[in-house]
Amino acid sequence: MELIESAKKFLWLKKAITDSAQLREGVLQAYSEAATDPHGKHPFPVGRWFAESIGYPAGILDSLPALAAETFTGVSNVAVFAKIPEGSTVLDIGCGAGLDTFIASQKTGVSGRVIGIDFSEPMIQKARGAASKVNLNNIEFFCAAAEKLPISNESVDVILVNGIFNLNPFRDHVFRELARVIKTGGSVYAAELVLKKPQRAKKVYKVDDWFS
């Protein structure tokens, strides 16, 4: 009987991490918890210390609302090295609490526009809270899925993507959305973790393993 129950548990766990909807829900829960409790224990690095460790200059972080860096969970300082012309329209997909969004708003200036998109409502609430601390009228935040953007066709000059592809099981739809909303001649700056060599085969049983 115990062997049968163990087998059932194994099959349930296997199903849990191969079902796209359940995986997406697990990722959503993990990032929402980072927004509500940034100083708690998470399966990925969170916070300003991490942002600085991957190349965000302290001077830039000091110029932004502290809330934006408090829940940072990206993989690169993409907004720092991205070429964002003054007056351009920028889309930050997976914006979290808005760290890259705020940096982009400084670059594009008052004549530009920056749109932050994240699928976590707590993250978007944190981003809007950060925005209320500064006088920036060129930023908008929306809670939406990266695979179904509330953006018009060919309306964006620059797209920033800071580490969402590995964690989105619908990435083929995400790429199609990028192609749909970017203007002809526009630029996409995307950062992601990649393997330099194949890893040893491993059975994955927890959502946390997708962040490691």
N, C-alpha and C. Protein backbone atom coordinates (compact mmCIF):
# COMPACT_ATOMS: atom_id res chain seq x y z
N MET A 1 0.84 -1.21 0.00
CA MET A 1 0.00 0.00 0.00
C MET A 1 0.88 1.26 0.00
N GLU A 2 1.95 1.23 0.84
CA GLU A 2 2.85 2.39 0.91
C GLU A 2 3.54 2.63 -0.43
N LEU A 3 3.89 1.53 -1.12
CA LEU A 3 4.54 1.64 -2.42
C LEU A 3 3.60 2.28 -3.43
N ILE A 4 2.33 1.90 -3.38
CA ILE A 4 1.34 2.46 -4.30
C ILE A 4 1.18 3.96 -4.05
N GLU A 5 1.12 4.36 -2.77
CA GLU A 5 0.97 5.78 -2.44
C GLU A 5 2.18 6.58 -2.90
N SER A 6 3.38 5.99 -2.76
CA SER A 6 4.59 6.66 -3.22
C SER A 6 4.57 6.84 -4.72
N ALA A 7 4.08 5.84 -5.42
CA ALA A 7 4.00 5.91 -6.88
C ALA A 7 3.01 6.99 -7.30
N LYS A 8 1.89 7.08 -6.59
CA LYS A 8 0.89 8.11 -6.89
C LYS A 8 1.47 9.51 -6.68
N LYS A 9 2.23 9.66 -5.58
CA LYS A 9 2.83 10.95 -5.28
C LYS A 9 3.83 11.34 -6.35
N PHE A 10 4.63 10.37 -6.81
CA PHE A 10 5.61 10.64 -7.86
C PHE A 10 4.92 11.09 -9.14
N LEU A 11 3.84 10.39 -9.53
CA LEU A 11 3.13 10.74 -10.75
C LEU A 11 2.49 12.11 -10.64
N TRP A 12 1.98 12.46 -9.45
CA TRP A 12 1.36 13.78 -9.26
C TRP A 12 2.42 14.86 -9.39
N LEU A 13 3.57 14.66 -8.76
CA LEU A 13 4.64 15.64 -8.84
C LEU A 13 5.13 15.81 -10.26
N LYS A 14 5.26 14.70 -10.97
CA LYS A 14 5.72 14.76 -12.35
C LYS A 14 4.73 15.54 -13.20
N LYS A 15 3.45 15.29 -12.98
CA LYS A 15 2.42 16.01 -13.72
C LYS A 15 2.46 17.50 -13.39
N ALA A 16 2.72 17.81 -12.12
CA ALA A 16 2.70 19.20 -11.67
C ALA A 16 3.72 20.06 -12.41
N ILE A 17 4.89 19.51 -12.70
CA ILE A 17 5.92 20.33 -13.32
C ILE A 17 5.95 20.19 -14.85
N THR A 18 5.13 19.32 -15.39
CA THR A 18 5.05 19.23 -16.85
C THR A 18 3.78 19.89 -17.38
N ASP A 19 2.88 20.26 -16.51
CA ASP A 19 1.67 20.96 -16.89
C ASP A 19 1.99 22.46 -16.96
N SER A 20 1.86 23.04 -18.14
CA SER A 20 2.26 24.44 -18.36
C SER A 20 1.52 25.40 -17.45
N ALA A 21 0.22 25.19 -17.30
CA ALA A 21 -0.58 26.11 -16.49
C ALA A 21 -0.14 26.06 -15.03
N GLN A 22 0.14 24.86 -14.51
CA GLN A 22 0.55 24.73 -13.12
C GLN A 22 1.94 25.31 -12.90
N LEU A 23 2.82 25.11 -13.88
CA LEU A 23 4.16 25.69 -13.77
C LEU A 23 4.07 27.22 -13.74
N ARG A 24 3.27 27.78 -14.63
CA ARG A 24 3.09 29.22 -14.68
C ARG A 24 2.54 29.74 -13.36
N GLU A 25 1.58 29.03 -12.78
CA GLU A 25 1.00 29.44 -11.51
C GLU A 25 2.04 29.40 -10.39
N GLY A 26 2.90 28.40 -10.44
CA GLY A 26 3.95 28.31 -9.43
C GLY A 26 4.93 29.46 -9.52
N VAL A 27 5.31 29.82 -10.74
CA VAL A 27 6.22 30.95 -10.94
C VAL A 27 5.55 32.25 -10.49
N LEU A 28 4.27 32.40 -10.83
CA LEU A 28 3.53 33.59 -10.42
C LEU A 28 3.50 33.72 -8.90
N GLN A 29 3.25 32.62 -8.22
CA GLN A 29 3.20 32.65 -6.76
C GLN A 29 4.56 33.02 -6.18
N ALA A 30 5.63 32.47 -6.75
CA ALA A 30 6.97 32.75 -6.23
C ALA A 30 7.32 34.23 -6.36
N TYR A 31 7.02 34.83 -7.51
CA TYR A 31 7.34 36.24 -7.71
C TYR A 31 6.42 37.16 -6.93
N SER A 32 5.19 36.76 -6.76
CA SER A 32 4.28 37.56 -5.95
C SER A 32 4.72 37.57 -4.50
N GLU A 33 5.24 36.45 -4.02
CA GLU A 33 5.75 36.39 -2.65
C GLU A 33 6.98 37.28 -2.49
N ALA A 34 7.79 37.37 -3.54
CA ALA A 34 8.96 38.26 -3.49
C ALA A 34 8.53 39.71 -3.39
N ALA A 35 7.39 40.04 -4.00
CA ALA A 35 6.88 41.42 -3.94
C ALA A 35 6.34 41.75 -2.56
N THR A 36 5.63 40.81 -1.96
CA THR A 36 5.00 41.07 -0.68
C THR A 36 5.97 40.90 0.50
N ASP A 37 7.02 40.08 0.30
CA ASP A 37 7.99 39.84 1.37
C ASP A 37 9.40 39.75 0.76
N PRO A 38 9.93 40.87 0.29
CA PRO A 38 11.22 40.85 -0.42
C PRO A 38 12.39 40.38 0.44
N HIS A 39 12.27 40.47 1.75
CA HIS A 39 13.37 40.08 2.63
C HIS A 39 13.22 38.65 3.14
N GLY A 40 12.21 37.95 2.63
CA GLY A 40 12.00 36.56 3.02
C GLY A 40 12.90 35.61 2.25
N LYS A 41 12.68 34.33 2.43
CA LYS A 41 13.46 33.30 1.74
C LYS A 41 12.81 32.98 0.41
N HIS A 42 13.58 33.07 -0.67
CA HIS A 42 13.06 32.84 -2.01
C HIS A 42 14.01 31.93 -2.81
N PRO A 43 13.52 31.27 -3.85
CA PRO A 43 14.38 30.37 -4.64
C PRO A 43 15.29 31.11 -5.62
N PHE A 44 15.33 32.44 -5.54
CA PHE A 44 16.15 33.26 -6.42
C PHE A 44 16.59 34.51 -5.66
N PRO A 45 17.68 35.16 -6.08
CA PRO A 45 18.13 36.37 -5.38
C PRO A 45 17.13 37.52 -5.54
N VAL A 46 16.99 38.31 -4.50
CA VAL A 46 16.05 39.44 -4.51
C VAL A 46 16.69 40.64 -3.82
N GLY A 47 16.57 41.82 -4.43
CA GLY A 47 16.96 43.03 -3.74
C GLY A 47 18.02 43.87 -4.39
N ARG A 48 18.27 45.03 -3.78
CA ARG A 48 19.25 45.97 -4.31
C ARG A 48 20.65 45.37 -4.33
N TRP A 49 21.02 44.65 -3.29
CA TRP A 49 22.36 44.06 -3.24
C TRP A 49 22.62 43.20 -4.46
N PHE A 50 21.57 42.47 -4.90
CA PHE A 50 21.70 41.62 -6.07
C PHE A 50 21.82 42.47 -7.33
N ALA A 51 21.01 43.54 -7.42
CA ALA A 51 21.10 44.44 -8.58
C ALA A 51 22.51 45.00 -8.73
N GLU A 52 23.10 45.43 -7.62
CA GLU A 52 24.46 45.95 -7.68
C GLU A 52 25.46 44.87 -8.09
N SER A 53 25.23 43.63 -7.65
CA SER A 53 26.17 42.55 -7.94
C SER A 53 26.21 42.19 -9.42
N ILE A 54 25.17 42.53 -10.16
CA ILE A 54 25.17 42.21 -11.60
C ILE A 54 25.31 43.46 -12.47
N GLY A 55 25.76 44.55 -11.88
CA GLY A 55 26.17 45.69 -12.71
C GLY A 55 25.33 46.94 -12.69
N TYR A 56 24.30 47.02 -11.84
CA TYR A 56 23.56 48.27 -11.74
C TYR A 56 24.38 49.24 -10.87
N PRO A 57 24.82 50.37 -11.41
CA PRO A 57 25.63 51.31 -10.64
C PRO A 57 24.87 51.86 -9.43
N ALA A 58 25.58 51.99 -8.32
CA ALA A 58 24.95 52.49 -7.10
C ALA A 58 24.37 53.89 -7.30
N GLY A 59 25.05 54.71 -8.11
CA GLY A 59 24.56 56.06 -8.36
C GLY A 59 23.21 56.07 -9.03
N ILE A 60 23.01 55.17 -10.00
CA ILE A 60 21.72 55.06 -10.68
C ILE A 60 20.65 54.59 -9.70
N LEU A 61 20.97 53.58 -8.90
CA LEU A 61 20.00 53.05 -7.94
C LEU A 61 19.61 54.11 -6.92
N ASP A 62 20.56 54.93 -6.54
CA ASP A 62 20.27 56.00 -5.57
C ASP A 62 19.30 57.03 -6.13
N SER A 63 19.27 57.17 -7.45
CA SER A 63 18.40 58.16 -8.08
C SER A 63 16.98 57.65 -8.30
N LEU A 64 16.74 56.39 -7.99
CA LEU A 64 15.44 55.76 -8.23
C LEU A 64 14.72 55.49 -6.91
N PRO A 65 13.39 55.28 -6.97
CA PRO A 65 12.67 54.92 -5.74
C PRO A 65 13.23 53.63 -5.15
N ALA A 66 13.45 53.60 -3.85
CA ALA A 66 14.02 52.43 -3.19
C ALA A 66 13.16 51.19 -3.40
N LEU A 67 11.85 51.37 -3.50
CA LEU A 67 10.95 50.24 -3.70
C LEU A 67 11.25 49.48 -4.99
N ALA A 68 11.75 50.17 -6.00
CA ALA A 68 12.01 49.54 -7.29
C ALA A 68 13.13 48.51 -7.21
N ALA A 69 14.15 48.82 -6.40
CA ALA A 69 15.28 47.91 -6.26
C ALA A 69 15.04 46.86 -5.18
N GLU A 70 14.15 47.15 -4.27
CA GLU A 70 13.91 46.27 -3.12
C GLU A 70 13.48 44.87 -3.53
N THR A 71 12.73 44.77 -4.64
CA THR A 71 12.23 43.46 -5.08
C THR A 71 12.80 43.06 -6.44
N PHE A 72 13.96 43.62 -6.81
CA PHE A 72 14.57 43.27 -8.10
C PHE A 72 14.92 41.79 -8.16
N THR A 73 14.57 41.15 -9.30
CA THR A 73 14.83 39.71 -9.46
C THR A 73 15.31 39.36 -10.87
N GLY A 74 15.86 40.33 -11.60
CA GLY A 74 16.27 40.06 -12.98
C GLY A 74 17.55 39.24 -13.07
N VAL A 75 18.13 39.19 -14.28
CA VAL A 75 19.35 38.43 -14.49
C VAL A 75 20.48 39.28 -15.07
N SER A 76 20.19 40.54 -15.42
CA SER A 76 21.20 41.40 -16.02
C SER A 76 20.79 42.87 -15.85
N ASN A 77 21.76 43.77 -16.05
CA ASN A 77 21.47 45.21 -15.99
C ASN A 77 21.08 45.72 -17.37
N VAL A 78 20.07 45.09 -17.94
CA VAL A 78 19.68 45.32 -19.34
C VAL A 78 19.34 46.78 -19.63
N ALA A 79 18.67 47.47 -18.71
CA ALA A 79 18.28 48.86 -18.97
C ALA A 79 19.48 49.79 -18.95
N VAL A 80 20.54 49.38 -18.29
CA VAL A 80 21.74 50.21 -18.21
C VAL A 80 22.47 50.24 -19.55
N PHE A 81 22.62 49.06 -20.17
CA PHE A 81 23.37 49.01 -21.42
C PHE A 81 22.51 49.20 -22.67
N ALA A 82 21.19 49.15 -22.54
CA ALA A 82 20.31 49.32 -23.70
C ALA A 82 20.41 50.75 -24.25
N LYS A 83 20.40 50.86 -25.58
CA LYS A 83 20.40 52.16 -26.23
C LYS A 83 18.95 52.61 -26.41
N ILE A 84 18.57 53.58 -25.61
CA ILE A 84 17.19 54.07 -25.61
C ILE A 84 17.19 55.53 -26.03
N PRO A 85 16.78 55.82 -27.25
CA PRO A 85 16.79 57.21 -27.74
C PRO A 85 15.80 58.08 -26.99
N GLU A 86 16.13 59.34 -26.85
CA GLU A 86 15.22 60.30 -26.25
C GLU A 86 13.94 60.39 -27.09
N GLY A 87 12.81 60.39 -26.42
CA GLY A 87 11.53 60.49 -27.11
C GLY A 87 10.97 59.17 -27.60
N SER A 88 11.65 58.06 -27.33
CA SER A 88 11.19 56.75 -27.82
C SER A 88 10.14 56.15 -26.90
N THR A 89 9.42 55.17 -27.44
CA THR A 89 8.45 54.40 -26.67
C THR A 89 9.10 53.08 -26.28
N VAL A 90 9.14 52.80 -24.98
CA VAL A 90 9.84 51.63 -24.46
C VAL A 90 8.84 50.70 -23.76
N LEU A 91 9.01 49.41 -24.00
CA LEU A 91 8.19 48.40 -23.33
C LEU A 91 9.09 47.52 -22.48
N ASP A 92 8.81 47.47 -21.18
CA ASP A 92 9.57 46.63 -20.25
C ASP A 92 8.69 45.45 -19.86
N ILE A 93 9.02 44.26 -20.43
CA ILE A 93 8.21 43.06 -20.19
C ILE A 93 8.79 42.29 -19.01
N GLY A 94 7.91 41.95 -18.05
CA GLY A 94 8.38 41.34 -16.82
C GLY A 94 9.05 42.38 -15.96
N CYS A 95 8.41 43.52 -15.83
CA CYS A 95 9.04 44.69 -15.21
C CYS A 95 9.22 44.57 -13.71
N GLY A 96 8.52 43.65 -13.06
CA GLY A 96 8.62 43.55 -11.61
C GLY A 96 8.20 44.85 -10.96
N ALA A 97 9.01 45.31 -10.02
CA ALA A 97 8.70 46.56 -9.32
C ALA A 97 9.18 47.78 -10.08
N GLY A 98 9.70 47.59 -11.29
CA GLY A 98 9.94 48.71 -12.18
C GLY A 98 11.35 49.26 -12.25
N LEU A 99 12.35 48.51 -11.79
CA LEU A 99 13.72 49.04 -11.81
C LEU A 99 14.15 49.43 -13.22
N ASP A 100 14.03 48.52 -14.18
CA ASP A 100 14.41 48.83 -15.56
C ASP A 100 13.48 49.88 -16.17
N THR A 101 12.24 49.86 -15.76
CA THR A 101 11.27 50.83 -16.27
C THR A 101 11.68 52.25 -15.91
N PHE A 102 12.09 52.45 -14.67
CA PHE A 102 12.49 53.79 -14.22
C PHE A 102 13.77 54.25 -14.90
N ILE A 103 14.70 53.33 -15.10
CA ILE A 103 15.94 53.69 -15.80
C ILE A 103 15.63 54.08 -17.23
N ALA A 104 14.74 53.33 -17.88
CA ALA A 104 14.34 53.65 -19.25
C ALA A 104 13.65 55.00 -19.33
N SER A 105 12.87 55.34 -18.30
CA SER A 105 12.15 56.62 -18.31
C SER A 105 13.13 57.79 -18.23
N GLN A 106 14.24 57.59 -17.53
CA GLN A 106 15.25 58.65 -17.47
C GLN A 106 15.90 58.85 -18.83
N LYS A 107 16.10 57.75 -19.55
CA LYS A 107 16.77 57.83 -20.85
C LYS A 107 15.86 58.41 -21.94
N THR A 108 14.61 58.01 -21.94
CA THR A 108 13.72 58.46 -23.02
C THR A 108 13.20 59.87 -22.77
N GLY A 109 13.21 60.31 -21.51
CA GLY A 109 12.83 61.69 -21.20
C GLY A 109 11.34 61.93 -21.22
N VAL A 110 10.97 63.18 -20.95
CA VAL A 110 9.55 63.54 -20.83
C VAL A 110 8.81 63.41 -22.15
N SER A 111 9.55 63.46 -23.26
CA SER A 111 8.89 63.34 -24.56
C SER A 111 8.68 61.89 -24.97
N GLY A 112 9.20 60.96 -24.18
CA GLY A 112 9.04 59.54 -24.47
C GLY A 112 7.97 58.90 -23.62
N ARG A 113 7.87 57.59 -23.73
CA ARG A 113 6.85 56.85 -22.99
C ARG A 113 7.41 55.48 -22.63
N VAL A 114 7.18 55.04 -21.40
CA VAL A 114 7.65 53.73 -20.96
C VAL A 114 6.48 52.95 -20.38
N ILE A 115 6.33 51.72 -20.83
CA ILE A 115 5.23 50.87 -20.39
C ILE A 115 5.83 49.65 -19.68
N GLY A 116 5.45 49.44 -18.43
CA GLY A 116 5.90 48.28 -17.68
C GLY A 116 4.79 47.24 -17.61
N ILE A 117 5.13 46.00 -17.97
CA ILE A 117 4.16 44.90 -17.97
C ILE A 117 4.67 43.79 -17.06
N ASP A 118 3.81 43.31 -16.16
CA ASP A 118 4.16 42.15 -15.35
C ASP A 118 2.90 41.34 -15.06
N PHE A 119 3.05 40.03 -14.93
CA PHE A 119 1.86 39.20 -14.71
C PHE A 119 1.52 39.04 -13.23
N SER A 120 2.35 39.62 -12.35
CA SER A 120 2.10 39.56 -10.92
C SER A 120 1.46 40.86 -10.44
N GLU A 121 0.25 40.78 -9.95
CA GLU A 121 -0.45 41.97 -9.45
C GLU A 121 0.30 42.59 -8.27
N PRO A 122 0.81 41.81 -7.31
CA PRO A 122 1.59 42.42 -6.23
C PRO A 122 2.82 43.17 -6.73
N MET A 123 3.48 42.66 -7.76
CA MET A 123 4.63 43.36 -8.33
C MET A 123 4.21 44.68 -8.95
N ILE A 124 3.11 44.67 -9.69
CA ILE A 124 2.62 45.89 -10.32
C ILE A 124 2.20 46.91 -9.27
N GLN A 125 1.60 46.45 -8.19
CA GLN A 125 1.23 47.37 -7.11
C GLN A 125 2.48 47.99 -6.50
N LYS A 126 3.54 47.19 -6.34
CA LYS A 126 4.81 47.71 -5.81
C LYS A 126 5.39 48.74 -6.79
N ALA A 127 5.31 48.46 -8.09
CA ALA A 127 5.82 49.39 -9.10
C ALA A 127 5.06 50.71 -9.09
N ARG A 128 3.76 50.62 -8.98
CA ARG A 128 2.95 51.85 -8.94
C ARG A 128 3.22 52.63 -7.66
N GLY A 129 3.47 51.91 -6.57
CA GLY A 129 3.82 52.58 -5.33
C GLY A 129 5.13 53.33 -5.46
N ALA A 130 6.10 52.70 -6.15
CA ALA A 130 7.39 53.34 -6.38
C ALA A 130 7.23 54.58 -7.26
N ALA A 131 6.38 54.46 -8.29
CA ALA A 131 6.16 55.57 -9.21
C ALA A 131 5.54 56.77 -8.51
N SER A 132 4.73 56.51 -7.48
CA SER A 132 4.08 57.60 -6.76
C SER A 132 5.08 58.42 -5.94
N LYS A 133 6.30 57.88 -5.77
CA LYS A 133 7.32 58.58 -4.98
C LYS A 133 8.11 59.58 -5.81
N VAL A 134 7.96 59.50 -7.13
CA VAL A 134 8.73 60.39 -8.01
C VAL A 134 7.80 61.09 -8.98
N ASN A 135 8.27 62.19 -9.54
CA ASN A 135 7.46 62.97 -10.47
C ASN A 135 7.79 62.58 -11.91
N LEU A 136 7.29 61.41 -12.31
CA LEU A 136 7.52 60.92 -13.67
C LEU A 136 6.16 60.68 -14.33
N ASN A 137 5.90 61.42 -15.37
CA ASN A 137 4.60 61.31 -16.05
C ASN A 137 4.67 60.50 -17.33
N ASN A 138 5.82 59.88 -17.59
CA ASN A 138 5.96 59.13 -18.85
C ASN A 138 5.95 57.63 -18.63
N ILE A 139 5.45 57.17 -17.47
CA ILE A 139 5.44 55.74 -17.14
C ILE A 139 4.01 55.25 -16.91
N GLU A 140 3.74 54.04 -17.42
CA GLU A 140 2.48 53.35 -17.15
C GLU A 140 2.80 51.91 -16.78
N PHE A 141 2.04 51.35 -15.84
CA PHE A 141 2.21 49.96 -15.45
C PHE A 141 0.90 49.20 -15.66
N PHE A 142 1.02 47.99 -16.23
CA PHE A 142 -0.15 47.16 -16.47
C PHE A 142 0.14 45.74 -16.01
N CYS A 143 -0.87 45.10 -15.41
CA CYS A 143 -0.77 43.70 -15.05
C CYS A 143 -1.30 42.88 -16.23
N ALA A 144 -0.41 42.15 -16.89
CA ALA A 144 -0.80 41.39 -18.07
C ALA A 144 0.24 40.30 -18.34
N ALA A 145 -0.13 39.32 -19.12
CA ALA A 145 0.77 38.23 -19.47
C ALA A 145 1.67 38.63 -20.63
N ALA A 146 2.91 38.17 -20.59
CA ALA A 146 3.85 38.47 -21.67
C ALA A 146 3.42 37.86 -22.99
N GLU A 147 2.65 36.77 -22.91
CA GLU A 147 2.19 36.10 -24.12
C GLU A 147 0.91 36.70 -24.68
N LYS A 148 0.38 37.73 -24.01
CA LYS A 148 -0.82 38.41 -24.50
C LYS A 148 -0.73 39.87 -24.07
N LEU A 149 0.10 40.63 -24.77
CA LEU A 149 0.38 42.01 -24.39
C LEU A 149 -0.76 42.97 -24.77
N PRO A 150 -1.14 43.88 -23.89
CA PRO A 150 -2.18 44.87 -24.20
C PRO A 150 -1.58 46.07 -24.94
N ILE A 151 -0.85 45.78 -26.01
CA ILE A 151 -0.11 46.79 -26.75
C ILE A 151 -0.47 46.69 -28.23
N SER A 152 -0.59 47.84 -28.90
CA SER A 152 -0.94 47.86 -30.31
C SER A 152 0.20 47.34 -31.19
N ASN A 153 -0.16 46.90 -32.37
CA ASN A 153 0.84 46.42 -33.33
C ASN A 153 1.82 47.53 -33.69
N GLU A 154 3.09 47.17 -33.80
CA GLU A 154 4.15 48.07 -34.27
C GLU A 154 4.09 49.45 -33.60
N SER A 155 4.03 49.45 -32.28
CA SER A 155 3.88 50.71 -31.55
C SER A 155 5.05 51.00 -30.60
N VAL A 156 6.05 50.11 -30.56
CA VAL A 156 7.13 50.23 -29.58
C VAL A 156 8.48 50.35 -30.28
N ASP A 157 9.30 51.27 -29.81
CA ASP A 157 10.64 51.45 -30.40
C ASP A 157 11.68 50.52 -29.78
N VAL A 158 11.59 50.33 -28.46
CA VAL A 158 12.56 49.52 -27.74
C VAL A 158 11.83 48.60 -26.77
N ILE A 159 12.24 47.33 -26.75
CA ILE A 159 11.69 46.37 -25.79
C ILE A 159 12.81 45.87 -24.89
N LEU A 160 12.53 45.84 -23.57
CA LEU A 160 13.45 45.29 -22.59
C LEU A 160 12.85 44.01 -22.01
N VAL A 161 13.63 42.96 -21.96
CA VAL A 161 13.19 41.69 -21.37
C VAL A 161 14.30 41.19 -20.46
N ASN A 162 14.05 41.19 -19.17
CA ASN A 162 15.09 40.85 -18.21
C ASN A 162 14.78 39.54 -17.49
N GLY A 163 15.01 38.43 -18.22
CA GLY A 163 14.92 37.11 -17.60
C GLY A 163 13.55 36.54 -17.40
N ILE A 164 12.73 36.43 -18.46
CA ILE A 164 11.42 35.78 -18.30
C ILE A 164 11.27 34.53 -19.17
N PHE A 165 12.13 34.36 -20.15
CA PHE A 165 11.93 33.28 -21.11
C PHE A 165 12.02 31.90 -20.48
N ASN A 166 13.01 31.69 -19.61
CA ASN A 166 13.16 30.37 -18.98
C ASN A 166 11.98 30.00 -18.10
N LEU A 167 11.28 31.00 -17.59
CA LEU A 167 10.22 30.76 -16.62
C LEU A 167 8.82 30.83 -17.21
N ASN A 168 8.74 31.06 -18.51
CA ASN A 168 7.43 31.13 -19.16
C ASN A 168 7.25 29.93 -20.10
N PRO A 169 6.34 29.01 -19.78
CA PRO A 169 6.15 27.83 -20.62
C PRO A 169 5.52 28.14 -21.97
N PHE A 170 5.08 29.40 -22.16
CA PHE A 170 4.44 29.80 -23.42
C PHE A 170 5.36 30.73 -24.20
N ARG A 171 6.67 30.45 -24.17
CA ARG A 171 7.64 31.40 -24.74
C ARG A 171 7.48 31.57 -26.25
N ASP A 172 6.94 30.57 -26.96
CA ASP A 172 6.72 30.76 -28.39
C ASP A 172 5.72 31.88 -28.63
N HIS A 173 4.71 31.97 -27.76
CA HIS A 173 3.73 33.06 -27.87
C HIS A 173 4.37 34.40 -27.51
N VAL A 174 5.29 34.38 -26.53
CA VAL A 174 5.98 35.60 -26.14
C VAL A 174 6.79 36.17 -27.31
N PHE A 175 7.51 35.31 -28.01
CA PHE A 175 8.30 35.77 -29.15
C PHE A 175 7.41 36.33 -30.25
N ARG A 176 6.25 35.72 -30.44
CA ARG A 176 5.33 36.25 -31.46
C ARG A 176 4.82 37.63 -31.06
N GLU A 177 4.58 37.83 -29.75
CA GLU A 177 4.13 39.13 -29.28
C GLU A 177 5.22 40.19 -29.44
N LEU A 178 6.47 39.81 -29.19
CA LEU A 178 7.57 40.75 -29.41
C LEU A 178 7.60 41.21 -30.86
N ALA A 179 7.46 40.26 -31.77
CA ALA A 179 7.49 40.60 -33.20
C ALA A 179 6.29 41.45 -33.59
N ARG A 180 5.17 41.26 -32.92
CA ARG A 180 3.95 41.99 -33.26
C ARG A 180 4.03 43.46 -32.84
N VAL A 181 4.54 43.74 -31.65
CA VAL A 181 4.45 45.10 -31.11
C VAL A 181 5.65 45.99 -31.47
N ILE A 182 6.78 45.39 -31.85
CA ILE A 182 7.96 46.20 -32.15
C ILE A 182 7.82 46.88 -33.51
N LYS A 183 8.25 48.12 -33.59
CA LYS A 183 8.23 48.83 -34.86
C LYS A 183 9.32 48.29 -35.79
N THR A 184 9.13 48.47 -37.08
CA THR A 184 10.18 48.13 -38.03
C THR A 184 11.42 48.97 -37.72
N GLY A 185 12.53 48.30 -37.56
CA GLY A 185 13.75 49.00 -37.20
C GLY A 185 13.94 49.20 -35.71
N GLY A 186 12.99 48.70 -34.91
CA GLY A 186 13.10 48.83 -33.46
C GLY A 186 14.12 47.85 -32.89
N SER A 187 14.35 47.94 -31.58
CA SER A 187 15.36 47.11 -30.92
C SER A 187 14.77 46.34 -29.75
N VAL A 188 15.21 45.09 -29.60
CA VAL A 188 14.83 44.26 -28.46
C VAL A 188 16.10 43.91 -27.69
N TYR A 189 16.14 44.29 -26.41
CA TYR A 189 17.26 43.96 -25.54
C TYR A 189 16.77 42.91 -24.54
N ALA A 190 17.26 41.70 -24.68
CA ALA A 190 16.80 40.61 -23.83
C ALA A 190 17.99 39.97 -23.11
N ALA A 191 17.81 39.68 -21.84
CA ALA A 191 18.83 39.00 -21.05
C ALA A 191 18.22 37.74 -20.46
N GLU A 192 19.00 36.67 -20.47
CA GLU A 192 18.50 35.39 -19.93
C GLU A 192 19.67 34.54 -19.49
N LEU A 193 19.44 33.65 -18.56
CA LEU A 193 20.44 32.68 -18.15
C LEU A 193 20.49 31.55 -19.17
N VAL A 194 21.70 31.17 -19.58
CA VAL A 194 21.87 30.10 -20.55
C VAL A 194 22.92 29.12 -20.06
N LEU A 195 22.82 27.88 -20.51
CA LEU A 195 23.79 26.86 -20.17
C LEU A 195 24.98 26.92 -21.12
N LYS A 196 26.18 26.81 -20.57
CA LYS A 196 27.38 26.75 -21.41
C LYS A 196 27.66 25.32 -21.86
N LYS A 197 27.15 24.35 -21.11
CA LYS A 197 27.31 22.95 -21.47
C LYS A 197 26.13 22.17 -20.92
N PRO A 198 25.82 21.01 -21.50
CA PRO A 198 24.67 20.23 -21.03
C PRO A 198 24.84 19.82 -19.57
N GLN A 199 23.73 19.84 -18.85
CA GLN A 199 23.75 19.37 -17.47
C GLN A 199 23.37 17.90 -17.41
N ARG A 200 23.78 17.25 -16.32
CA ARG A 200 23.42 15.86 -16.13
C ARG A 200 21.90 15.76 -15.99
N ALA A 201 21.34 14.75 -16.61
CA ALA A 201 19.88 14.56 -16.56
C ALA A 201 19.40 14.50 -15.12
N LYS A 202 18.29 15.17 -14.84
CA LYS A 202 17.77 15.22 -13.48
C LYS A 202 16.26 15.33 -13.52
N LYS A 203 15.62 14.56 -12.66
CA LYS A 203 14.17 14.68 -12.53
C LYS A 203 13.87 15.88 -11.64
N VAL A 204 12.96 16.73 -12.08
CA VAL A 204 12.62 17.93 -11.33
C VAL A 204 11.25 17.75 -10.71
N TYR A 205 11.15 17.98 -9.41
CA TYR A 205 9.89 17.73 -8.73
C TYR A 205 9.26 18.98 -8.14
N LYS A 206 10.04 20.07 -8.01
CA LYS A 206 9.51 21.27 -7.37
C LYS A 206 9.61 22.46 -8.32
N VAL A 207 8.67 23.39 -8.17
CA VAL A 207 8.73 24.61 -8.97
C VAL A 207 10.03 25.37 -8.68
N ASP A 208 10.51 25.31 -7.45
CA ASP A 208 11.74 26.00 -7.07
C ASP A 208 12.90 25.62 -7.98
N ASP A 209 12.91 24.38 -8.47
CA ASP A 209 14.02 23.91 -9.31
C ASP A 209 14.11 24.68 -10.63
N TRP A 210 13.02 25.31 -11.03
CA TRP A 210 13.04 26.07 -12.29
C TRP A 210 13.82 27.36 -12.14
N PHE A 211 14.10 27.78 -10.93
CA PHE A 211 14.85 29.01 -10.70
C PHE A 211 16.34 28.75 -10.47
N SER A 212 16.72 27.48 -10.33
CA SER A 212 18.11 27.17 -9.98
C SER A 212 18.99 26.98 -11.22
